[in-house]
Amino acid sequence: MRKGIKDKLRQLKENPRREIGAHPLHGKLTGKWACWLGSNIRMIYKIDDVQKEIIIEAIGSHKIY
């Protein structure tokens, strides 16, 4: 499972807006993105295009929303 997550994070690094089911969030989470890392593991993150960084804010089950 860890190898799978590492591979997904590498994919996300290449294109944080298109890979591994990435999608923008709405409502109180507007400006943040979410993707899935595993069967029930979600990640919420922000994209800083100026610094070229992905800032991870939360990882967990779907309850992190």
N, C-alpha and C. Protein backbone atom coordinates (compact mmCIF):
# COMPACT_ATOMS: atom_id res chain seq x y z
N MET A 1 0.83 -1.19 0.00
CA MET A 1 0.00 0.00 0.00
C MET A 1 0.87 1.25 0.00
N ARG A 2 1.97 1.27 0.78
CA ARG A 2 2.82 2.45 0.84
C ARG A 2 3.41 2.78 -0.53
N LYS A 3 3.83 1.76 -1.26
CA LYS A 3 4.39 2.01 -2.59
C LYS A 3 3.34 2.65 -3.49
N GLY A 4 2.12 2.20 -3.39
CA GLY A 4 1.03 2.78 -4.18
C GLY A 4 0.81 4.24 -3.86
N ILE A 5 0.88 4.59 -2.58
CA ILE A 5 0.71 5.99 -2.18
C ILE A 5 1.88 6.83 -2.68
N LYS A 6 3.08 6.31 -2.59
CA LYS A 6 4.25 7.04 -3.10
C LYS A 6 4.11 7.29 -4.60
N ASP A 7 3.66 6.30 -5.33
CA ASP A 7 3.47 6.46 -6.77
C ASP A 7 2.42 7.53 -7.06
N LYS A 8 1.35 7.53 -6.30
CA LYS A 8 0.29 8.52 -6.50
C LYS A 8 0.78 9.93 -6.18
N LEU A 9 1.58 10.06 -5.15
CA LEU A 9 2.14 11.37 -4.82
C LEU A 9 3.08 11.86 -5.92
N ARG A 10 3.83 10.96 -6.52
CA ARG A 10 4.69 11.34 -7.66
C ARG A 10 3.84 11.83 -8.84
N GLN A 11 2.75 11.14 -9.10
CA GLN A 11 1.84 11.55 -10.17
C GLN A 11 1.26 12.93 -9.88
N LEU A 12 0.86 13.12 -8.64
CA LEU A 12 0.27 14.40 -8.24
C LEU A 12 1.28 15.53 -8.40
N LYS A 13 2.53 15.25 -8.10
CA LYS A 13 3.59 16.25 -8.26
C LYS A 13 3.68 16.72 -9.71
N GLU A 14 3.50 15.81 -10.65
CA GLU A 14 3.58 16.15 -12.07
C GLU A 14 2.41 17.03 -12.51
N ASN A 15 1.23 16.76 -12.00
CA ASN A 15 0.05 17.53 -12.41
C ASN A 15 -0.98 17.50 -11.29
N PRO A 16 -0.91 18.43 -10.34
CA PRO A 16 -1.78 18.40 -9.17
C PRO A 16 -3.25 18.70 -9.46
N ARG A 17 -3.56 19.12 -10.67
CA ARG A 17 -4.96 19.42 -11.01
C ARG A 17 -5.63 18.33 -11.85
N ARG A 18 -4.88 17.33 -12.26
CA ARG A 18 -5.44 16.32 -13.16
C ARG A 18 -5.25 14.88 -12.70
N GLU A 19 -4.24 14.63 -11.91
CA GLU A 19 -3.89 13.24 -11.57
C GLU A 19 -4.72 12.70 -10.41
N ILE A 20 -4.77 11.42 -10.32
CA ILE A 20 -5.37 10.60 -9.25
C ILE A 20 -6.69 11.12 -8.71
N GLY A 21 -7.55 11.54 -9.64
CA GLY A 21 -8.89 11.97 -9.25
C GLY A 21 -8.93 13.34 -8.58
N ALA A 22 -7.95 14.18 -8.85
CA ALA A 22 -7.91 15.51 -8.24
C ALA A 22 -9.13 16.32 -8.66
N HIS A 23 -9.67 17.06 -7.70
CA HIS A 23 -10.81 17.93 -8.00
C HIS A 23 -10.83 19.10 -7.03
N PRO A 24 -11.29 20.26 -7.52
CA PRO A 24 -11.37 21.43 -6.64
C PRO A 24 -12.53 21.26 -5.66
N LEU A 25 -12.36 21.82 -4.49
CA LEU A 25 -13.41 21.76 -3.47
C LEU A 25 -14.21 23.06 -3.48
N HIS A 26 -15.37 23.02 -2.86
CA HIS A 26 -16.28 24.16 -2.86
C HIS A 26 -16.70 24.50 -1.44
N GLY A 27 -17.50 25.54 -1.30
CA GLY A 27 -18.00 25.93 0.01
C GLY A 27 -16.88 26.43 0.90
N LYS A 28 -16.87 25.97 2.14
CA LYS A 28 -15.85 26.43 3.09
C LYS A 28 -14.44 25.99 2.71
N LEU A 29 -14.32 25.06 1.77
CA LEU A 29 -13.01 24.57 1.33
C LEU A 29 -12.62 25.10 -0.05
N THR A 30 -13.30 26.14 -0.53
CA THR A 30 -12.96 26.74 -1.82
C THR A 30 -11.50 27.15 -1.83
N GLY A 31 -10.84 26.88 -2.94
CA GLY A 31 -9.42 27.19 -3.07
C GLY A 31 -8.52 26.01 -2.75
N LYS A 32 -9.13 24.95 -2.25
CA LYS A 32 -8.37 23.75 -1.92
C LYS A 32 -8.77 22.64 -2.89
N TRP A 33 -7.93 21.63 -2.94
CA TRP A 33 -8.14 20.50 -3.83
C TRP A 33 -8.18 19.22 -3.02
N ALA A 34 -8.77 18.19 -3.60
CA ALA A 34 -8.80 16.87 -2.96
C ALA A 34 -8.46 15.81 -3.99
N CYS A 35 -7.92 14.70 -3.51
CA CYS A 35 -7.65 13.54 -4.35
C CYS A 35 -7.69 12.32 -3.45
N TRP A 36 -7.69 11.16 -4.07
CA TRP A 36 -7.69 9.94 -3.26
C TRP A 36 -6.33 9.28 -3.36
N LEU A 37 -5.88 8.75 -2.24
CA LEU A 37 -4.59 8.07 -2.18
C LEU A 37 -4.73 6.56 -2.06
N GLY A 38 -5.89 6.12 -1.65
CA GLY A 38 -6.13 4.70 -1.47
C GLY A 38 -7.62 4.45 -1.35
N SER A 39 -8.00 3.26 -0.98
CA SER A 39 -9.40 2.87 -0.97
C SER A 39 -10.27 3.84 -0.19
N ASN A 40 -9.83 4.28 0.97
CA ASN A 40 -10.62 5.22 1.75
C ASN A 40 -9.72 6.34 2.30
N ILE A 41 -8.64 6.62 1.62
CA ILE A 41 -7.71 7.66 2.08
C ILE A 41 -7.79 8.84 1.14
N ARG A 42 -8.19 9.98 1.69
CA ARG A 42 -8.31 11.21 0.91
C ARG A 42 -7.27 12.20 1.39
N MET A 43 -6.90 13.12 0.49
CA MET A 43 -5.96 14.17 0.86
C MET A 43 -6.54 15.51 0.40
N ILE A 44 -6.47 16.50 1.27
CA ILE A 44 -6.84 17.87 0.94
C ILE A 44 -5.56 18.67 0.86
N TYR A 45 -5.43 19.48 -0.19
CA TYR A 45 -4.21 20.24 -0.38
C TYR A 45 -4.49 21.55 -1.10
N LYS A 46 -3.54 22.46 -1.01
CA LYS A 46 -3.57 23.71 -1.76
C LYS A 46 -2.41 23.68 -2.75
N ILE A 47 -2.58 24.41 -3.83
CA ILE A 47 -1.54 24.51 -4.85
C ILE A 47 -1.03 25.94 -4.86
N ASP A 48 0.26 26.10 -4.66
CA ASP A 48 0.90 27.41 -4.73
C ASP A 48 1.68 27.44 -6.05
N ASP A 49 1.08 28.08 -7.06
CA ASP A 49 1.71 28.12 -8.37
C ASP A 49 2.96 29.00 -8.39
N VAL A 50 3.01 30.02 -7.56
CA VAL A 50 4.16 30.91 -7.53
C VAL A 50 5.39 30.17 -7.00
N GLN A 51 5.23 29.50 -5.87
CA GLN A 51 6.34 28.77 -5.25
C GLN A 51 6.49 27.35 -5.81
N LYS A 52 5.52 26.95 -6.64
CA LYS A 52 5.49 25.60 -7.21
C LYS A 52 5.51 24.54 -6.11
N GLU A 53 4.53 24.70 -5.19
CA GLU A 53 4.41 23.79 -4.05
C GLU A 53 3.00 23.23 -3.95
N ILE A 54 2.92 22.05 -3.41
CA ILE A 54 1.65 21.45 -3.02
C ILE A 54 1.68 21.41 -1.50
N ILE A 55 0.72 22.07 -0.87
CA ILE A 55 0.68 22.15 0.58
C ILE A 55 -0.42 21.21 1.09
N ILE A 56 -0.01 20.15 1.73
CA ILE A 56 -0.96 19.16 2.24
C ILE A 56 -1.56 19.69 3.53
N GLU A 57 -2.89 19.70 3.59
CA GLU A 57 -3.59 20.21 4.76
C GLU A 57 -4.22 19.11 5.61
N ALA A 58 -4.63 18.02 4.98
CA ALA A 58 -5.24 16.93 5.75
C ALA A 58 -5.19 15.65 4.94
N ILE A 59 -5.04 14.54 5.67
CA ILE A 59 -5.11 13.21 5.07
C ILE A 59 -5.96 12.36 5.99
N GLY A 60 -6.90 11.64 5.41
CA GLY A 60 -7.76 10.78 6.23
C GLY A 60 -8.89 10.20 5.42
N SER A 61 -9.88 9.71 6.11
CA SER A 61 -11.07 9.15 5.44
C SER A 61 -11.89 10.29 4.86
N HIS A 62 -12.99 9.97 4.27
CA HIS A 62 -13.85 10.98 3.66
C HIS A 62 -14.36 11.98 4.71
N LYS A 63 -14.24 11.66 5.97
CA LYS A 63 -14.70 12.55 7.05
C LYS A 63 -13.86 13.82 7.16
N ILE A 64 -12.70 13.89 6.49
CA ILE A 64 -11.86 15.07 6.58
C ILE A 64 -12.50 16.27 5.90
N TYR A 65 -13.52 16.04 5.08
CA TYR A 65 -14.22 17.13 4.42
C TYR A 65 -15.08 17.82 5.44
